[in-house]
Each structure stands twice: as C-alpha cells, then as structure tokens.
Amino acid sequence: MVIKPPTKENIVMFPFMAQGHIIPFLALALRIEKTNKYTITFVNTPSNIKNLRSSLPSNSSIHLLEIPFNSSDHELPPHTENTDSVPYDLVPKLFEASLSFKPHFRNLISKLFQDENEHKRPLCIISSMFFGCCAEIAHEFGLFHAIFVAGGGFGFACYYSLWLNLPHSNSDSDEFELPDFPEASTLHVTQMSDTLRAADGSDSFSVFVKKVFPLWVKADAILVNTVEEFDKTGLNYFRRKIGRPVWPVGPVLFSSGNKARAGKEFGLSQEICKNWLDKKPSCSVLYVSFGSQNTISSSQMMQLAMALEACGKNFIWVVRPPIGFDINSEFKANEWLPEGFEERIRDSGRGLVVHTWAPQVEILSHESLSAFLSHCGWNSVLESLSGGVPMIGWPMAAEQFYNVKLLEEKIGVCVEVARGKNCEIFREEIVAKIELVMNESEKGKEMRKKAWEIKEIINNATKDEENFKGSSMEAMDQFLNAASKLRGEDKGEIHGAPLSVHEEKSCICIN
C-alpha cells in the first residue's frame, strides 16, 4: 500500500510594495515554509516579483505570483512599483494606486480555487496593513484573513492613532496626547513626519488612511512582527481597539545570507565585511545606516562625517545621496563629504564607507559591534536587538519616532541624537552621543546590559524545542490552528464559488 504524504495547505501572502513590508513578509513566508506543512503563494506587482526571484533560497518552493499593475495608469513614472523607486513627493500616489488592487486580487483568489491542483486552493490570506480590503475577499471565499503588521506594536499603535485622530491639529500646544492611547504619554510635534504634521483630514494620505485603517476590524486576526514581552503596551492597544486576536510572531528576520535582501545588491560583500570586522576588537565598531528609503540633508551629512572622524571609533557607514537628489543615484563623495574624508578613513583602516547596501544582519550580529546609529525602522530595530546591540536613534519618517520613544523611554536600549530630516545638528552633539553609548559610561553599560537582556528575550520567544516553545512560536501556532479550524468547519461547503451572505457571516467570527 502506497502512503500518500499529507496535503500541504496553501497560504496566500500579499505585502505592500515597500522593502520595509516585503522583507518581513518574505521572512514570515520562509518561517511558515520551514514547518513543512504549508505552501506559500507570494503576491506582488511584476517588478517586485522579478526582484524577489533572486532572493529565494534555492530549495524554497514559495510560488511568486504577479498581480497586474501599470504605474502609468496612476500618474506615476513607468515601472514605479516600490516606494524605493518613487520620488518622495509621489509616495502618496503609490498608496492611492494600491486601492486599485481589489478586483485583481479577487480574480487571483478565484483562479486559485478553480485550479485543478487542489494544493493551490488557499487556507488563508495574510495581507498588508494597507490591504484591509482583502478581508472581504477572504470571507467571500470562506477563508481566514490576517493582517500582518511588519512594524512593532507600540510604534504602529501611535501611528494608527495619530492618523485616525490627528490630535495635533486641535491642540494649541506643541505637545499633546493620543485620545485613545494615553499609555503612550506625551508626544511632541517634532515626533511627526512632515506629511503627518501638515495633515488636516482632507489631504490625500488622510483620505487614504480613513479608507484602509477602519477595515482592520474586518480581519480575523492581526499578526505583529514583535515580541509580547517587551511590546505589550502597543499590542494591548490593538486588542482593545480592533477586538480581534493580536498575535506577536516576531521577530521574523530575513537574513542577507539568502543572497541579497529581496533583490537589492550589496555595495560591500559579506566576505570583505566579515574580514574587516574580524580584525576589530570586541564591542568597538559603530554601524551607521538609515535604511533603504531615508537619507539626510547635505549639511547633516557633513556634520555626521566630521563626527565620525572626530570620535576616533571604528565604523561602517552606509551612505546615500542627500535630500534633494535621487536616493538611488551614484554617491558623489567629493561633493557631499569633507574633502579627502574617504581617503583618510580608508588609509587609517578605521572605517568603511559603503555605497548602496551592506549585509546588515551579519554586521549587527558580529561580536565587534558596539552600537547602531539608525533611523530606527522596525526591521533595523529587530536586527539590532537580536544581536544585543544598543542604538543611537535618528528617526525620520512614519512610526520611527515612536519606535525611538519605546526604545529610549520604555526599554532603555536607545538614546536619540536627532529628530527628522530638517533638524539642525552639529558634530559635537553626535560625538557626545556616540561616546555616551560606546564608552564605559554608566549609561552606556546599562544600555548594553538591557540590550543583552532583550536579546535573550528574543531568543526565548523564538525557541521551538521539544520541551519548550517560545511566546512568538506559540502565537504562530495559534494563528495557523485558527485558520485550519475555519477550513475544517467549512470543508465540504466550499467548491471554488463564493459563499452566500448567510454562509459568509457564519465563518467570519473566530471568538
């Protein structure tokens, strides 16, 4: 008798078109695939899918599926399908364009149900926080739907509340509180992006947010790329606000060992980087990077360069063209850095100046790393904390300001050096913060101690052993079990056709 292997259920994943979303979605897909119980259909626009092909491990069976998208139809430059390639002033247009996906995504799910290969029929849909409309489509076909928040609980709780309430627009003071999230304590207008500070409810992004954020309540669950033990306040906000299970499944990290980070090429090879770091003493290197979408002004860049030279510390600095220039264009050191800076740093052997990308996960996990000067995007935060590396925060956009607030005020693993892309900053201030964290000051030692404690919390949360399962792995099991339970309840009722309204109502609630 031939014993057939158990059928693997298909999970459809659909992230927003930004590296800060695609990378954690891909990391989550790889984690689910490792259970050997599920297949993954990963949906995105043609250009993003093309870039992703080189990022998958050779042994991965993740199926990449294109959803139709023509940027020119939405007043965007041709082949503009990722926030990385969109001029800053056109980013809202890309968000608005994403609203056009709904009929295409419904058609895609319908075709999966009609496929002769039953393995392609979905068990559930995991979508971006900006694709709440996927819940309606999932329930139409009797599927479980979860939103995956690629950021942290606290940071996105602040971000979510700010955009829905715009409390600063009704405040006479530069300081204010969030009406539905008092646990966040006082915020300041400088802890807001320029777009948010100017929002009045009628602007394009406010209109977009009011269309997509209220749809979260239609989801069956929220998955968050964080850890319960250090991010409970933000998670509880969403549990209270959304009234659905909120499962922290992080950190899900995409190692740059999987070729390049989701289609991005490194400007510094892992081998060269490792050889350089291996020659440095333990806990002696500062890593400086502001992520794929952020950069600083030319004057800020000049002050940062002078600070790195003056502080006397070993460093790796990932540089991008300053504000006002194409962030993906060639870096012109002779225009944007002090005269002879790169040559002096190279000759001294004290630093590496990297154009474009560096193998960040490998850098932050190296024993020579002491601190990370970062924009504090959540992927970078998790990579730093997973390596036990304290941070120097320079938030610039979105929820980064509130990530810094959590890290500095609530957890104690960060100090803020500057705030925003337009602030005035001098080299002496930067040097002081670098020395505070990297020297043997009481503050620096306490931050390092707490960073190592968080590293242990993360390690425990992601353990999956015979006699012990960490909190994040338990949360992942609870999500997958809930999705499977819904499938079990509806088996025999769904044959590729949408459910009736009556049937749909019976399968949405999982409480």
Protein backbone atom coordinates (compact mmCIF):
# COMPACT_ATOMS: atom_id res chain seq x y z
CA MET A 1 0.00 0.00 0.00
CA VAL A 2 1.36 3.41 -1.01
CA ILE A 3 1.03 6.01 1.75
CA LYS A 4 0.46 9.45 0.33
CA PRO A 5 2.20 12.36 2.09
CA PRO A 6 -0.22 14.73 3.83
CA THR A 7 -1.58 17.52 1.65
CA LYS A 8 0.04 20.89 2.27
CA GLU A 9 -2.32 23.83 2.69
CA ASN A 10 -1.67 26.97 0.65
CA ILE A 11 -1.24 30.35 2.36
CA VAL A 12 -1.53 33.47 0.19
CA MET A 13 0.61 36.45 1.25
CA PHE A 14 0.25 39.97 -0.16
CA PRO A 15 2.58 42.71 1.21
CA PHE A 16 2.56 46.40 0.37
CA MET A 17 5.10 47.47 -2.24
CA ALA A 18 7.91 48.67 0.04
CA GLN A 19 11.09 46.95 1.23
CA GLY A 20 10.07 47.52 4.85
CA HIS A 21 6.99 45.39 4.16
CA ILE A 22 8.25 42.90 1.54
CA ILE A 23 11.31 41.81 3.55
CA PRO A 24 9.44 40.80 6.75
CA PHE A 25 6.65 39.22 4.69
CA LEU A 26 9.23 37.10 2.89
CA ALA A 27 10.87 36.22 6.21
CA LEU A 28 7.47 35.16 7.57
CA ALA A 29 6.84 33.10 4.43
CA LEU A 30 10.15 31.29 4.87
CA ARG A 31 9.40 30.60 8.53
CA ILE A 32 5.99 29.11 7.69
CA GLU A 33 7.52 27.08 4.86
CA LYS A 34 10.02 25.55 7.31
CA THR A 35 7.18 23.83 9.16
CA ASN A 36 6.83 21.64 6.05
CA LYS A 37 3.04 21.78 6.39
CA TYR A 38 2.22 24.68 4.07
CA THR A 39 2.91 26.03 0.62
CA ILE A 40 3.15 29.78 0.08
CA THR A 41 1.79 31.88 -2.76
CA PHE A 42 3.51 35.27 -2.59
CA VAL A 43 1.66 38.01 -4.47
CA ASN A 44 3.03 41.32 -5.71
CA THR A 45 3.45 43.54 -8.74
CA PRO A 46 5.58 42.40 -11.71
CA SER A 47 8.75 44.40 -10.93
CA ASN A 48 8.74 43.38 -7.26
CA ILE A 49 8.21 39.72 -8.18
CA LYS A 50 11.10 39.91 -10.64
CA ASN A 51 13.38 41.30 -7.92
CA LEU A 52 12.23 38.70 -5.41
CA ARG A 53 13.21 35.72 -7.57
CA SER A 54 16.89 36.16 -6.74
CA SER A 55 16.14 36.38 -3.02
CA LEU A 56 14.56 32.98 -2.51
CA PRO A 57 16.74 30.12 -1.25
CA SER A 58 17.34 27.52 -3.97
CA ASN A 59 15.40 24.91 -2.00
CA SER A 60 12.33 27.12 -1.45
CA SER A 61 9.02 26.15 -3.03
CA ILE A 62 7.42 29.58 -2.50
CA HIS A 63 5.31 30.42 -5.56
CA LEU A 64 5.68 34.02 -6.75
CA LEU A 65 2.53 35.34 -8.39
CA GLU A 66 2.15 38.63 -10.23
CA ILE A 67 -0.84 40.91 -9.76
CA PRO A 68 -1.47 43.32 -12.66
CA PHE A 69 -0.25 46.87 -12.12
CA ASN A 70 0.65 49.66 -14.51
CA SER A 71 2.07 52.66 -12.68
CA SER A 72 1.43 54.95 -15.65
CA ASP A 73 -2.31 54.48 -15.10
CA HIS A 74 -1.93 56.21 -11.72
CA GLU A 75 0.12 59.30 -12.64
CA LEU A 76 3.35 57.57 -11.62
CA PRO A 77 6.54 57.17 -13.69
CA PRO A 78 6.75 53.93 -15.74
CA HIS A 79 7.72 50.78 -13.80
CA THR A 80 7.30 52.54 -10.46
CA GLU A 81 6.15 49.73 -8.19
CA ASN A 82 8.03 50.18 -4.92
CA THR A 83 8.49 53.08 -2.51
CA ASP A 84 12.24 52.64 -3.08
CA SER A 85 11.86 53.85 -6.66
CA VAL A 86 9.22 56.54 -6.12
CA PRO A 87 10.22 60.20 -5.72
CA TYR A 88 9.29 61.25 -2.18
CA ASP A 89 6.54 63.63 -3.30
CA LEU A 90 4.85 60.85 -5.29
CA VAL A 91 4.73 58.24 -2.50
CA PRO A 92 1.09 59.18 -1.65
CA LYS A 93 0.21 58.41 -5.29
CA LEU A 94 1.55 54.88 -4.88
CA PHE A 95 -0.61 54.39 -1.79
CA GLU A 96 -3.66 55.65 -3.65
CA ALA A 97 -2.83 53.39 -6.60
CA SER A 98 -2.85 50.36 -4.30
CA LEU A 99 -6.62 50.79 -3.91
CA SER A 100 -6.95 49.50 -7.48
CA PHE A 101 -5.78 46.01 -6.48
CA LYS A 102 -9.08 44.78 -5.05
CA PRO A 103 -10.73 43.39 -8.24
CA HIS A 104 -7.43 41.94 -9.46
CA PHE A 105 -6.79 40.22 -6.13
CA ARG A 106 -10.32 38.79 -6.04
CA ASN A 107 -9.77 37.40 -9.54
CA LEU A 108 -6.46 35.90 -8.47
CA ILE A 109 -8.05 34.10 -5.47
CA SER A 110 -10.91 32.87 -7.67
CA LYS A 111 -8.43 31.36 -10.13
CA LEU A 112 -6.59 29.56 -7.32
CA PHE A 113 -9.88 27.95 -6.33
CA GLN A 114 -10.59 26.94 -9.91
CA ASP A 115 -7.14 25.39 -10.39
CA GLU A 116 -7.18 21.63 -10.98
CA ASN A 117 -4.37 21.31 -8.44
CA GLU A 118 -6.23 21.33 -5.12
CA HIS A 119 -3.00 22.18 -3.31
CA LYS A 120 -3.25 25.72 -4.71
CA ARG A 121 -6.61 26.38 -3.07
CA PRO A 122 -5.89 28.76 -0.19
CA LEU A 123 -6.22 28.04 3.52
CA CYS A 124 -5.93 31.71 4.43
CA ILE A 125 -4.77 35.13 3.29
CA ILE A 126 -2.15 37.25 5.05
CA SER A 127 -2.18 40.81 3.75
CA SER A 128 -0.51 44.14 4.37
CA MET A 129 -1.90 46.58 6.92
CA PHE A 130 -2.81 48.75 3.92
CA PHE A 131 -4.74 45.95 2.20
CA GLY A 132 -7.62 45.55 4.64
CA CYS A 133 -9.95 45.02 1.67
CA CYS A 134 -8.52 41.51 1.42
CA ALA A 135 -10.69 40.54 4.42
CA GLU A 136 -13.84 40.98 2.35
CA ILE A 137 -12.39 38.81 -0.43
CA ALA A 138 -11.19 36.16 2.02
CA HIS A 139 -14.59 35.89 3.69
CA GLU A 140 -16.31 35.76 0.30
CA PHE A 141 -14.42 32.51 -0.33
CA GLY A 142 -14.70 31.23 3.25
CA LEU A 143 -11.06 31.91 4.10
CA PHE A 144 -9.37 33.11 7.27
CA HIS A 145 -7.80 36.55 6.89
CA ALA A 146 -4.99 38.08 8.92
CA ILE A 147 -3.29 41.44 8.63
CA PHE A 148 0.47 41.28 9.16
CA VAL A 149 1.90 44.45 10.70
CA ALA A 150 5.55 44.45 9.68
CA GLY A 151 6.34 47.06 12.34
CA GLY A 152 6.16 46.98 16.13
CA GLY A 153 3.12 47.18 18.36
CA PHE A 154 3.89 50.45 20.16
CA GLY A 155 5.16 52.32 17.12
CA PHE A 156 2.22 51.38 14.94
CA ALA A 157 -0.28 51.95 17.73
CA CYS A 158 0.93 55.57 17.87
CA TYR A 159 0.96 55.82 14.07
CA TYR A 160 -2.53 54.31 13.73
CA SER A 161 -3.99 56.58 16.43
CA LEU A 162 -2.31 59.72 15.10
CA TRP A 163 -3.59 59.29 11.56
CA LEU A 164 -7.13 58.44 12.61
CA ASN A 165 -7.42 61.18 15.25
CA LEU A 166 -4.98 63.93 14.13
CA PRO A 167 -4.86 65.26 17.73
CA HIS A 168 -2.16 67.82 16.95
CA SER A 169 -4.50 69.66 14.58
CA ASN A 170 -6.76 70.56 17.52
CA SER A 171 -4.01 71.37 20.00
CA ASP A 172 -2.76 74.84 20.89
CA SER A 173 0.45 73.33 22.23
CA ASP A 174 3.36 71.58 20.55
CA GLU A 175 2.76 68.73 22.99
CA PHE A 176 -0.34 66.54 23.03
CA GLU A 177 -1.66 63.11 23.99
CA LEU A 178 -3.40 60.44 21.93
CA PRO A 179 -7.10 60.32 22.89
CA ASP A 180 -7.39 56.52 22.59
CA PHE A 181 -3.83 55.63 23.65
CA PRO A 182 -2.97 57.52 26.85
CA GLU A 183 -0.36 54.87 27.72
CA ALA A 184 1.88 56.41 25.05
CA SER A 185 2.17 59.54 27.24
CA THR A 186 3.01 62.93 25.73
CA LEU A 187 4.07 63.36 22.11
CA HIS A 188 5.68 66.42 20.52
CA VAL A 189 5.04 67.80 17.03
CA THR A 190 8.70 67.18 16.16
CA GLN A 191 7.94 63.47 16.57
CA MET A 192 5.94 63.55 13.37
CA SER A 193 6.82 63.32 9.71
CA ASP A 194 6.29 66.45 7.64
CA THR A 195 3.34 64.75 5.93
CA LEU A 196 1.63 63.91 9.22
CA ARG A 197 2.29 67.32 10.74
CA ALA A 198 0.64 69.01 7.77
CA ALA A 199 -2.33 66.62 7.70
CA ASP A 200 -5.76 68.13 8.34
CA GLY A 201 -8.04 65.25 7.35
CA SER A 202 -8.63 66.42 3.80
CA ASP A 203 -5.11 65.74 2.50
CA SER A 204 -4.57 62.73 0.22
CA PHE A 205 -2.92 60.44 2.77
CA SER A 206 -5.53 61.19 5.46
CA VAL A 207 -8.23 60.28 2.95
CA PHE A 208 -6.37 57.05 2.09
CA VAL A 209 -5.87 56.09 5.75
CA LYS A 210 -9.54 56.68 6.55
CA LYS A 211 -10.39 54.20 3.81
CA VAL A 212 -7.99 51.42 4.84
CA PHE A 213 -7.41 51.54 8.62
CA PRO A 214 -11.07 51.09 9.64
CA LEU A 215 -11.06 47.85 7.59
CA TRP A 216 -8.78 46.24 10.21
CA VAL A 217 -11.86 45.35 12.27
CA LYS A 218 -12.99 43.02 9.45
CA ALA A 219 -9.84 40.92 9.72
CA ASP A 220 -9.98 37.66 11.69
CA ALA A 221 -6.66 38.40 13.39
CA ILE A 222 -3.67 40.74 13.48
CA LEU A 223 -0.13 39.36 13.31
CA VAL A 224 2.60 41.71 14.53
CA ASN A 225 6.33 41.44 13.92
CA THR A 226 7.27 41.88 17.56
CA VAL A 227 7.64 40.11 20.89
CA GLU A 228 4.98 40.16 23.61
CA GLU A 229 7.44 40.51 26.48
CA PHE A 230 8.76 43.97 25.51
CA ASP A 231 5.91 45.35 23.37
CA LYS A 232 2.79 44.51 25.37
CA THR A 233 1.51 48.12 25.62
CA GLY A 234 1.16 48.54 21.87
CA LEU A 235 -0.26 45.04 21.38
CA ASN A 236 -2.90 45.69 24.03
CA TYR A 237 -3.91 48.89 22.25
CA PHE A 238 -4.81 46.90 19.14
CA ARG A 239 -6.53 44.16 21.15
CA ARG A 240 -8.70 46.84 22.72
CA LYS A 241 -9.21 48.86 19.54
CA ILE A 242 -9.76 46.11 16.97
CA GLY A 243 -11.41 43.46 19.12
CA ARG A 244 -9.65 40.61 17.34
CA PRO A 245 -6.83 38.26 18.34
CA VAL A 246 -3.49 40.05 18.11
CA TRP A 247 -0.62 37.58 17.83
CA PRO A 248 3.01 38.77 18.15
CA VAL A 249 5.03 36.39 15.94
CA GLY A 250 8.34 38.26 15.74
CA PRO A 251 10.97 38.84 15.15
CA VAL A 252 10.78 37.48 11.62
CA LEU A 253 14.08 38.46 10.07
CA PHE A 254 15.31 37.93 6.53
CA SER A 255 18.99 37.03 6.61
CA SER A 256 21.13 38.58 3.91
CA GLY A 257 22.63 35.09 3.68
CA ASN A 258 19.70 34.46 1.34
CA LYS A 259 21.64 36.13 -1.49
CA ALA A 260 20.65 39.81 -1.44
CA ARG A 261 17.92 41.45 0.62
CA ALA A 262 14.83 40.98 -1.52
CA GLY A 263 16.54 41.84 -4.80
CA LYS A 264 18.95 44.50 -3.54
CA GLU A 265 22.64 44.18 -4.38
CA PHE A 266 25.27 44.82 -1.72
CA GLY A 267 27.84 47.55 -2.18
CA LEU A 268 30.04 45.61 0.26
CA SER A 269 30.47 41.85 0.04
CA GLN A 270 29.82 39.77 3.13
CA GLU A 271 33.32 38.30 2.90
CA ILE A 272 35.09 41.68 2.84
CA CYS A 273 32.84 42.94 5.60
CA LYS A 274 33.46 39.92 7.83
CA ASN A 275 37.23 40.03 7.28
CA TRP A 276 37.29 43.71 8.26
CA LEU A 277 35.13 43.16 11.37
CA ASP A 278 37.17 40.12 12.43
CA LYS A 279 40.22 42.36 12.78
CA LYS A 280 38.48 44.77 15.16
CA PRO A 281 38.31 44.36 18.95
CA SER A 282 35.11 43.15 20.56
CA CYS A 283 32.47 45.84 21.03
CA SER A 284 34.45 48.54 19.18
CA VAL A 285 32.54 49.26 15.95
CA LEU A 286 29.73 51.72 15.26
CA TYR A 287 27.38 50.85 12.40
CA VAL A 288 25.58 53.77 10.70
CA SER A 289 22.68 53.25 8.30
CA PHE A 290 19.36 54.98 7.66
CA GLY A 291 17.65 52.23 5.67
CA SER A 292 16.57 51.95 2.05
CA GLN A 293 14.22 54.93 1.85
CA ASN A 294 15.77 57.52 4.15
CA THR A 295 18.59 59.97 3.82
CA ILE A 296 19.70 63.17 5.50
CA SER A 297 20.41 66.68 4.25
CA SER A 298 23.82 67.60 2.83
CA SER A 299 24.59 69.75 5.88
CA GLN A 300 23.61 66.95 8.27
CA MET A 301 25.73 64.52 6.24
CA MET A 302 28.73 66.80 6.52
CA GLN A 303 28.32 67.11 10.31
CA LEU A 304 27.93 63.32 10.66
CA ALA A 305 31.08 62.70 8.64
CA MET A 306 33.07 65.14 10.78
CA ALA A 307 31.68 63.48 13.92
CA LEU A 308 32.69 60.01 12.77
CA GLU A 309 36.19 61.25 12.05
CA ALA A 310 36.45 63.17 15.33
CA CYS A 311 35.13 60.44 17.65
CA GLY A 312 38.02 58.09 16.91
CA LYS A 313 35.78 55.00 16.77
CA ASN A 314 35.80 52.22 14.20
CA PHE A 315 32.74 52.46 11.99
CA ILE A 316 30.83 51.20 8.95
CA TRP A 317 28.70 53.89 7.31
CA VAL A 318 26.18 53.12 4.57
CA VAL A 319 25.84 56.37 2.63
CA ARG A 320 23.10 57.53 0.25
CA PRO A 321 22.80 60.78 -1.75
CA PRO A 322 21.39 63.56 0.46
CA ILE A 323 17.90 65.02 0.35
CA GLY A 324 17.21 66.73 -2.97
CA PHE A 325 18.95 64.03 -5.02
CA ASP A 326 17.79 60.65 -6.32
CA ILE A 327 18.45 58.34 -3.37
CA ASN A 328 19.35 55.51 -5.75
CA SER A 329 21.80 57.55 -7.84
CA GLU A 330 25.58 57.46 -7.65
CA PHE A 331 27.06 58.81 -4.41
CA LYS A 332 29.39 61.77 -5.02
CA ALA A 333 31.77 61.78 -2.08
CA ASN A 334 33.70 64.79 -3.37
CA GLU A 335 30.53 66.91 -3.16
CA TRP A 336 28.78 65.57 -0.05
CA LEU A 337 31.61 64.59 2.32
CA PRO A 338 34.54 66.60 3.72
CA GLU A 339 37.45 66.87 1.29
CA GLY A 340 39.62 63.76 1.47
CA PHE A 341 37.31 62.05 4.00
CA GLU A 342 37.06 58.67 2.29
CA GLU A 343 40.80 58.54 1.59
CA ARG A 344 41.73 59.38 5.20
CA ILE A 345 39.29 56.82 6.58
CA ARG A 346 40.46 54.13 4.16
CA ASP A 347 44.15 54.79 4.87
CA SER A 348 43.60 54.70 8.64
CA GLY A 349 41.77 51.36 8.41
CA ARG A 350 39.28 52.77 10.92
CA GLY A 351 36.19 52.83 8.77
CA LEU A 352 34.30 51.51 5.79
CA VAL A 353 32.16 53.88 3.73
CA VAL A 354 29.65 51.75 1.82
CA HIS A 355 27.67 52.99 -1.17
CA THR A 356 24.17 51.45 -1.53
CA TRP A 357 23.71 48.35 0.68
CA ALA A 358 25.62 46.39 3.33
CA PRO A 359 24.97 42.92 4.84
CA GLN A 360 23.24 44.44 7.88
CA VAL A 361 22.16 41.26 9.70
CA GLU A 362 25.71 39.89 9.57
CA ILE A 363 27.19 43.21 10.70
CA LEU A 364 24.85 43.58 13.69
CA SER A 365 25.41 40.00 14.81
CA HIS A 366 29.22 40.33 14.80
CA GLU A 367 30.95 40.45 18.18
CA SER A 368 32.91 43.58 17.23
CA LEU A 369 29.72 45.67 17.02
CA SER A 370 29.17 48.17 19.83
CA ALA A 371 26.30 50.41 18.69
CA PHE A 372 23.99 51.17 15.77
CA LEU A 373 23.20 54.75 14.67
CA SER A 374 19.91 54.21 12.91
CA HIS A 375 16.64 55.72 11.67
CA CYS A 376 15.02 53.00 13.82
CA GLY A 377 12.82 51.47 11.19
CA TRP A 378 11.41 48.32 12.81
CA ASN A 379 13.36 45.80 10.71
CA SER A 380 16.58 47.53 11.74
CA VAL A 381 15.45 47.67 15.37
CA LEU A 382 14.78 43.93 15.48
CA GLU A 383 18.06 43.12 13.76
CA SER A 384 19.93 45.27 16.27
CA LEU A 385 18.16 43.90 19.35
CA SER A 386 18.57 40.32 18.09
CA GLY A 387 22.31 40.99 18.17
CA GLY A 388 22.19 42.65 21.60
CA VAL A 389 23.35 45.96 20.08
CA PRO A 390 22.16 49.27 21.67
CA MET A 391 21.04 52.06 19.39
CA ILE A 392 21.52 55.74 18.72
CA GLY A 393 18.24 56.92 17.22
CA TRP A 394 17.74 59.39 14.41
CA PRO A 395 14.09 58.87 13.37
CA MET A 396 12.97 60.41 10.09
CA ALA A 397 9.58 59.16 8.95
CA ALA A 398 6.42 57.15 9.63
CA GLU A 399 6.42 55.34 13.00
CA GLN A 400 10.21 55.60 13.52
CA PHE A 401 9.75 58.44 16.04
CA TYR A 402 7.58 56.20 18.25
CA ASN A 403 9.95 53.25 17.89
CA VAL A 404 12.64 55.51 19.37
CA LYS A 405 10.25 56.57 22.14
CA LEU A 406 9.64 52.91 23.03
CA LEU A 407 13.33 52.01 22.87
CA GLU A 408 14.53 55.00 24.88
CA GLU A 409 11.76 55.66 27.41
CA LYS A 410 10.22 52.22 27.93
CA ILE A 411 13.02 49.70 27.27
CA GLY A 412 16.23 51.70 27.82
CA VAL A 413 18.31 50.48 24.86
CA CYS A 414 18.49 53.71 22.84
CA VAL A 415 19.38 57.40 23.01
CA GLU A 416 18.04 59.90 20.48
CA VAL A 417 20.66 62.05 18.74
CA ALA A 418 18.48 63.94 16.26
CA ARG A 419 14.89 64.06 15.05
CA GLY A 420 13.76 64.38 11.46
CA LYS A 421 15.36 65.27 8.15
CA ASN A 422 15.34 69.03 8.66
CA CYS A 423 16.73 69.44 12.19
CA GLU A 424 19.95 71.32 12.80
CA ILE A 425 22.63 69.02 14.21
CA PHE A 426 26.30 69.64 14.95
CA ARG A 427 29.20 67.20 15.08
CA GLU A 428 29.80 67.83 18.78
CA GLU A 429 26.30 66.60 19.63
CA ILE A 430 26.76 63.46 17.56
CA VAL A 431 30.18 62.75 19.09
CA ALA A 432 28.73 63.16 22.60
CA LYS A 433 26.00 60.56 21.94
CA ILE A 434 28.46 58.14 20.32
CA GLU A 435 30.79 58.40 23.32
CA LEU A 436 27.88 58.07 25.76
CA VAL A 437 26.89 54.74 24.26
CA MET A 438 30.27 53.30 23.22
CA ASN A 439 32.49 54.43 26.09
CA GLU A 440 32.39 52.79 29.52
CA SER A 441 29.96 55.33 30.95
CA GLU A 442 27.29 54.14 33.38
CA LYS A 443 24.62 54.95 30.82
CA GLY A 444 26.43 53.04 28.09
CA LYS A 445 26.97 49.98 30.28
CA GLU A 446 23.32 49.98 31.38
CA MET A 447 22.12 50.23 27.77
CA ARG A 448 24.36 47.34 26.73
CA LYS A 449 23.13 45.24 29.65
CA LYS A 450 19.49 45.87 28.73
CA ALA A 451 20.19 45.17 25.05
CA TRP A 452 21.60 41.77 26.01
CA GLU A 453 18.54 41.11 28.15
CA ILE A 454 16.29 41.88 25.18
CA LYS A 455 18.43 39.58 23.02
CA GLU A 456 17.73 36.76 25.48
CA ILE A 457 14.01 37.56 25.48
CA ILE A 458 14.03 37.36 21.67
CA ASN A 459 15.94 34.08 21.70
CA ASN A 460 13.44 32.57 24.13
CA ALA A 461 10.43 33.89 22.21
CA THR A 462 11.57 32.18 19.01
CA LYS A 463 12.62 28.84 20.52
CA ASP A 464 10.80 25.82 19.15
CA GLU A 465 12.05 22.79 21.04
CA GLU A 466 10.53 19.52 22.12
CA ASN A 467 10.01 20.66 25.71
CA PHE A 468 9.78 24.41 25.19
CA LYS A 469 8.00 26.68 22.74
CA GLY A 470 8.58 30.43 22.92
CA SER A 471 5.80 33.01 23.03
CA SER A 472 6.18 34.02 19.36
CA MET A 473 6.16 30.41 18.19
CA GLU A 474 3.07 29.73 20.33
CA ALA A 475 1.37 32.75 18.76
CA MET A 476 2.21 31.46 15.28
CA ASP A 477 0.71 28.06 16.16
CA GLN A 478 -2.45 29.72 17.46
CA PHE A 479 -2.83 31.63 14.20
CA LEU A 480 -2.29 28.57 11.99
CA ASN A 481 -4.64 26.47 14.14
CA ALA A 482 -7.35 29.13 13.91
CA ALA A 483 -7.01 29.25 10.12
CA SER A 484 -7.13 25.45 9.88
CA LYS A 485 -10.12 25.26 12.21
CA LEU A 486 -12.09 27.59 9.97
CA ARG A 487 -11.17 25.44 6.97
CA GLY A 488 -12.26 22.32 8.86
CA GLU A 489 -15.63 23.82 9.76
CA ASP A 490 -16.32 24.80 6.15
CA LYS A 491 -14.95 21.72 4.40
CA GLY A 492 -17.46 20.31 2.02
CA GLU A 493 -19.24 23.64 1.69
CA ILE A 494 -16.72 25.50 -0.44
CA HIS A 495 -16.16 24.37 -4.01
CA GLY A 496 -14.47 27.35 -5.58
CA ALA A 497 -17.57 29.52 -5.53
CA PRO A 498 -18.09 32.49 -3.21
CA LEU A 499 -20.19 31.87 -0.12
CA SER A 500 -23.63 33.35 0.21
CA VAL A 501 -24.09 36.24 2.62
CA HIS A 502 -25.57 33.87 5.21
CA GLU A 503 -22.67 31.40 4.91
CA GLU A 504 -20.15 34.22 4.98
CA LYS A 505 -21.44 35.51 8.32
CA SER A 506 -21.19 32.06 9.86
CA CYS A 507 -17.48 31.75 9.12
CA ILE A 508 -16.10 35.16 9.97
CA CYS A 509 -16.20 35.07 13.75
CA ILE A 510 -13.47 33.07 15.48
CA ASN A 511 -14.17 34.18 19.04
